[in-house]
Amino acid sequence: MEEQLSHRIETPVVPIIHALADVNDQLSRGRPFFVDIAKDGVVLYEKPGHPLAEPKPLTVEEAHREAASYFEQRYQLSLDALKVADFSISNGIWRDGAFMLHQATERAYHCALLTLTLYSPKSHRIKVLRSQAEAVDSRLIAAWPRDSRFPRRCFELLSRAYFEARYSSKFEISKEELIWLVERVKSLQDLVEAICRERLSL
């Protein structure tokens, strides 16, 4: 943070933290994200006596099987969250509706990242997840218009809903914003489904 605030680093840095045991487990199972880090990463700090495991190659068949499993489970979780959001909003339970819209979005992005790359960070921050998913497949950008203030405000409210819809008495979101968000989450889910099925068909 100090390096970024002093402008010595221009590109935003988002740390991804994993315990060494988790990293080594992922390497032993051939997860591409971790294998790439072990192969191409630059060690900034290393405690002696704590080596990385030897990466195990993941076969094409194994990778496809894992990706298909991720898609089957995670996509349905996103659809389920949207159903709960729809029910809540229709019945005036707007806080739960906003929170579950966040969950539908978060789960859709985790689904895309896990299916396409076999890795997704353990994060609830949909801004981070959106950025990473769109970097993997730019077609996902279409889910969230950014050309005017209203859509940008709606996504910001959705991002804040994970905590504030549940815990802040000051959190407010209009029916119009909720209805717009429902449509955009549906659009995101449609894109995720199409992109993931395309990848799994290869």
Protein backbone atom coordinates (compact mmCIF):
# COMPACT_ATOMS: atom_id res chain seq x y z
CA MET A 1 0.00 0.00 0.00
CA GLU A 2 2.83 2.40 0.83
CA GLU A 3 4.46 1.74 -2.55
CA GLN A 4 1.18 2.39 -4.35
CA LEU A 5 0.39 5.56 -2.37
CA SER A 6 3.83 6.95 -3.11
CA HIS A 7 3.32 6.12 -6.82
CA ARG A 8 6.38 3.90 -6.98
CA ILE A 9 4.00 1.15 -8.17
CA GLU A 10 1.46 2.28 -10.77
CA THR A 11 -0.39 -1.02 -11.26
CA PRO A 12 -2.75 -1.84 -8.35
CA VAL A 13 -1.54 -4.81 -6.32
CA VAL A 14 -4.12 -7.21 -4.88
CA PRO A 15 -2.42 -9.76 -2.60
CA ILE A 16 -3.66 -13.34 -2.83
CA ILE A 17 -2.79 -15.25 0.34
CA HIS A 18 -2.54 -19.02 0.70
CA ALA A 19 -0.93 -21.10 3.43
CA LEU A 20 2.17 -23.00 2.30
CA ALA A 21 0.40 -26.31 2.97
CA ASP A 22 -2.43 -25.24 0.62
CA VAL A 23 0.03 -24.12 -2.07
CA ASN A 24 1.89 -27.42 -1.89
CA ASP A 25 -1.38 -29.37 -2.00
CA GLN A 26 -2.42 -27.41 -5.11
CA LEU A 27 1.00 -28.04 -6.70
CA SER A 28 0.78 -31.77 -5.98
CA ARG A 29 -2.58 -31.81 -7.77
CA GLY A 30 -1.22 -29.89 -10.76
CA ARG A 31 -3.37 -26.77 -10.47
CA PRO A 32 -2.23 -24.50 -13.35
CA PHE A 33 -2.37 -21.25 -11.35
CA PHE A 34 0.02 -22.57 -8.72
CA VAL A 35 2.21 -24.44 -11.19
CA ASP A 36 2.71 -21.19 -13.13
CA ILE A 37 3.68 -19.36 -9.93
CA ALA A 38 6.18 -22.08 -8.96
CA LYS A 39 7.61 -22.09 -12.48
CA ASP A 40 7.65 -18.38 -13.37
CA GLY A 41 7.24 -16.53 -10.07
CA VAL A 42 9.97 -14.48 -8.41
CA VAL A 43 10.58 -15.21 -4.72
CA LEU A 44 10.54 -11.99 -2.69
CA TYR A 45 10.93 -13.64 0.71
CA GLU A 46 11.52 -17.26 1.61
CA LYS A 47 11.84 -18.89 5.00
CA PRO A 48 14.49 -21.65 4.93
CA GLY A 49 13.23 -25.20 5.34
CA HIS A 50 9.84 -24.56 3.75
CA PRO A 51 10.23 -25.56 0.10
CA LEU A 52 7.50 -25.71 -2.52
CA ALA A 53 6.33 -29.15 -3.56
CA GLU A 54 7.31 -30.52 -6.96
CA PRO A 55 4.46 -29.67 -9.37
CA LYS A 56 2.57 -32.67 -10.72
CA PRO A 57 1.40 -32.45 -14.33
CA LEU A 58 -2.37 -32.38 -14.76
CA THR A 59 -3.64 -34.37 -17.73
CA VAL A 60 -6.12 -32.87 -20.19
CA GLU A 61 -8.72 -35.39 -19.07
CA GLU A 62 -8.23 -34.54 -15.38
CA ALA A 63 -8.44 -30.82 -16.07
CA HIS A 64 -11.64 -31.24 -18.10
CA ARG A 65 -13.21 -33.42 -15.41
CA GLU A 66 -12.43 -30.87 -12.69
CA ALA A 67 -13.66 -27.95 -14.80
CA ALA A 68 -16.93 -29.75 -15.57
CA SER A 69 -17.43 -30.51 -11.87
CA TYR A 70 -16.83 -26.87 -10.94
CA PHE A 71 -19.30 -25.66 -13.57
CA GLU A 72 -22.02 -28.10 -12.59
CA GLN A 73 -21.88 -27.13 -8.91
CA ARG A 74 -21.03 -23.42 -9.00
CA TYR A 75 -23.37 -22.38 -11.79
CA GLN A 76 -26.33 -23.93 -10.01
CA LEU A 77 -25.37 -22.14 -6.78
CA SER A 78 -25.49 -18.83 -8.65
CA LEU A 79 -28.92 -19.66 -10.11
CA ASP A 80 -30.19 -20.63 -6.65
CA ALA A 81 -28.99 -17.35 -5.14
CA LEU A 82 -30.79 -15.37 -7.83
CA LYS A 83 -34.03 -17.24 -7.12
CA VAL A 84 -33.76 -16.27 -3.45
CA ALA A 85 -32.98 -12.67 -4.45
CA ASP A 86 -36.02 -12.56 -6.77
CA PHE A 87 -38.28 -13.90 -4.03
CA SER A 88 -36.92 -11.45 -1.45
CA ILE A 89 -37.23 -8.41 -3.71
CA SER A 90 -40.76 -9.41 -4.81
CA ASN A 91 -41.78 -9.62 -1.16
CA GLY A 92 -40.19 -6.34 -0.05
CA ILE A 93 -37.30 -8.01 1.77
CA TRP A 94 -34.86 -5.70 0.03
CA ARG A 95 -31.81 -6.16 2.27
CA ASP A 96 -31.77 -9.92 1.79
CA GLY A 97 -32.54 -9.35 -1.88
CA ALA A 98 -29.49 -7.11 -2.30
CA PHE A 99 -27.27 -9.53 -0.39
CA MET A 100 -28.41 -12.52 -2.44
CA LEU A 101 -27.85 -10.59 -5.67
CA HIS A 102 -24.29 -10.13 -4.49
CA GLN A 103 -24.07 -13.88 -3.81
CA ALA A 104 -25.45 -14.73 -7.27
CA THR A 105 -22.80 -12.46 -8.81
CA GLU A 106 -19.96 -13.75 -6.65
CA ARG A 107 -20.87 -17.36 -7.38
CA ALA A 108 -21.14 -16.69 -11.13
CA TYR A 109 -17.62 -15.25 -11.17
CA HIS A 110 -16.22 -18.08 -9.08
CA CYS A 111 -17.90 -20.49 -11.51
CA ALA A 112 -16.30 -18.80 -14.52
CA LEU A 113 -12.83 -18.61 -13.00
CA LEU A 114 -12.84 -22.18 -11.68
CA THR A 115 -14.21 -23.62 -14.92
CA LEU A 116 -11.87 -21.66 -17.18
CA THR A 117 -8.70 -21.70 -15.07
CA LEU A 118 -9.30 -24.20 -12.21
CA TYR A 119 -8.54 -21.34 -9.80
CA SER A 120 -10.50 -18.61 -8.09
CA PRO A 121 -9.30 -16.48 -5.17
CA LYS A 122 -11.00 -16.98 -1.82
CA SER A 123 -12.63 -13.57 -1.96
CA HIS A 124 -16.09 -12.04 -1.65
CA ARG A 125 -14.98 -8.84 -3.41
CA ILE A 126 -16.90 -8.85 -6.68
CA LYS A 127 -14.81 -5.98 -8.06
CA VAL A 128 -11.72 -8.20 -7.80
CA LEU A 129 -13.56 -11.24 -9.13
CA ARG A 130 -15.02 -9.25 -12.03
CA SER A 131 -11.60 -7.89 -12.97
CA GLN A 132 -10.00 -11.34 -12.91
CA ALA A 133 -12.81 -13.02 -14.83
CA GLU A 134 -12.91 -10.32 -17.49
CA ALA A 135 -9.15 -10.68 -17.92
CA VAL A 136 -9.70 -14.38 -18.67
CA ASP A 137 -12.56 -13.78 -21.13
CA SER A 138 -13.35 -10.23 -22.23
CA ARG A 139 -16.88 -11.19 -23.33
CA LEU A 140 -17.86 -10.98 -19.65
CA ILE A 141 -17.38 -7.20 -19.78
CA ALA A 142 -20.76 -6.94 -21.53
CA ALA A 143 -22.58 -7.97 -18.34
CA TRP A 144 -21.95 -4.61 -16.67
CA PRO A 145 -22.41 -1.38 -18.67
CA ARG A 146 -20.02 1.35 -17.53
CA ASP A 147 -21.10 4.14 -19.86
CA SER A 148 -23.10 6.22 -17.38
CA ARG A 149 -23.42 7.01 -13.70
CA PHE A 150 -26.49 4.83 -12.98
CA PRO A 151 -24.95 1.43 -13.89
CA ARG A 152 -21.70 2.33 -12.11
CA ARG A 153 -23.65 3.31 -9.00
CA CYS A 154 -25.69 0.10 -9.11
CA PHE A 155 -22.59 -2.08 -9.30
CA GLU A 156 -21.02 -0.13 -6.43
CA LEU A 157 -24.14 -0.74 -4.32
CA LEU A 158 -24.05 -4.42 -5.24
CA SER A 159 -20.40 -4.57 -4.21
CA ARG A 160 -21.19 -2.97 -0.86
CA ALA A 161 -24.23 -5.17 -0.25
CA TYR A 162 -22.14 -8.12 0.98
CA PHE A 163 -21.52 -6.33 4.28
CA GLU A 164 -23.73 -3.25 4.35
CA ALA A 165 -27.05 -4.83 3.35
CA ARG A 166 -26.70 -7.04 6.41
CA TYR A 167 -24.98 -4.81 8.94
CA SER A 168 -25.33 -1.11 8.10
CA SER A 169 -28.44 0.87 8.99
CA LYS A 170 -27.33 3.50 6.44
CA PHE A 171 -27.31 1.18 3.42
CA GLU A 172 -29.99 2.17 0.91
CA ILE A 173 -30.91 0.84 -2.51
CA SER A 174 -33.98 1.66 -4.59
CA LYS A 175 -36.45 -0.74 -6.21
CA GLU A 176 -35.34 0.59 -9.60
CA GLU A 177 -31.71 -0.23 -8.80
CA LEU A 178 -32.61 -3.70 -7.55
CA ILE A 179 -34.66 -4.49 -10.67
CA TRP A 180 -31.80 -3.29 -12.91
CA LEU A 181 -29.34 -5.42 -10.97
CA VAL A 182 -31.53 -8.53 -11.32
CA GLU A 183 -31.43 -8.13 -15.10
CA ARG A 184 -27.68 -7.60 -15.15
CA VAL A 185 -27.03 -10.63 -12.92
CA LYS A 186 -29.17 -12.71 -15.30
CA SER A 187 -27.09 -11.38 -18.19
CA LEU A 188 -23.89 -12.29 -16.34
CA GLN A 189 -25.18 -15.80 -15.69
CA ASP A 190 -26.09 -16.25 -19.36
CA LEU A 191 -22.61 -15.16 -20.43
CA VAL A 192 -20.92 -17.39 -17.85
CA GLU A 193 -22.99 -20.38 -18.96
CA ALA A 194 -22.25 -19.84 -22.66
CA ILE A 195 -18.52 -19.26 -22.13
CA CYS A 196 -18.11 -22.20 -19.78
CA ARG A 197 -20.07 -24.59 -21.97
CA GLU A 198 -18.00 -23.47 -24.94
CA ARG A 199 -14.79 -24.26 -23.05
CA LEU A 200 -16.08 -27.62 -21.85
CA SER A 201 -17.06 -28.61 -25.39
CA LEU A 202 -13.47 -28.33 -26.64
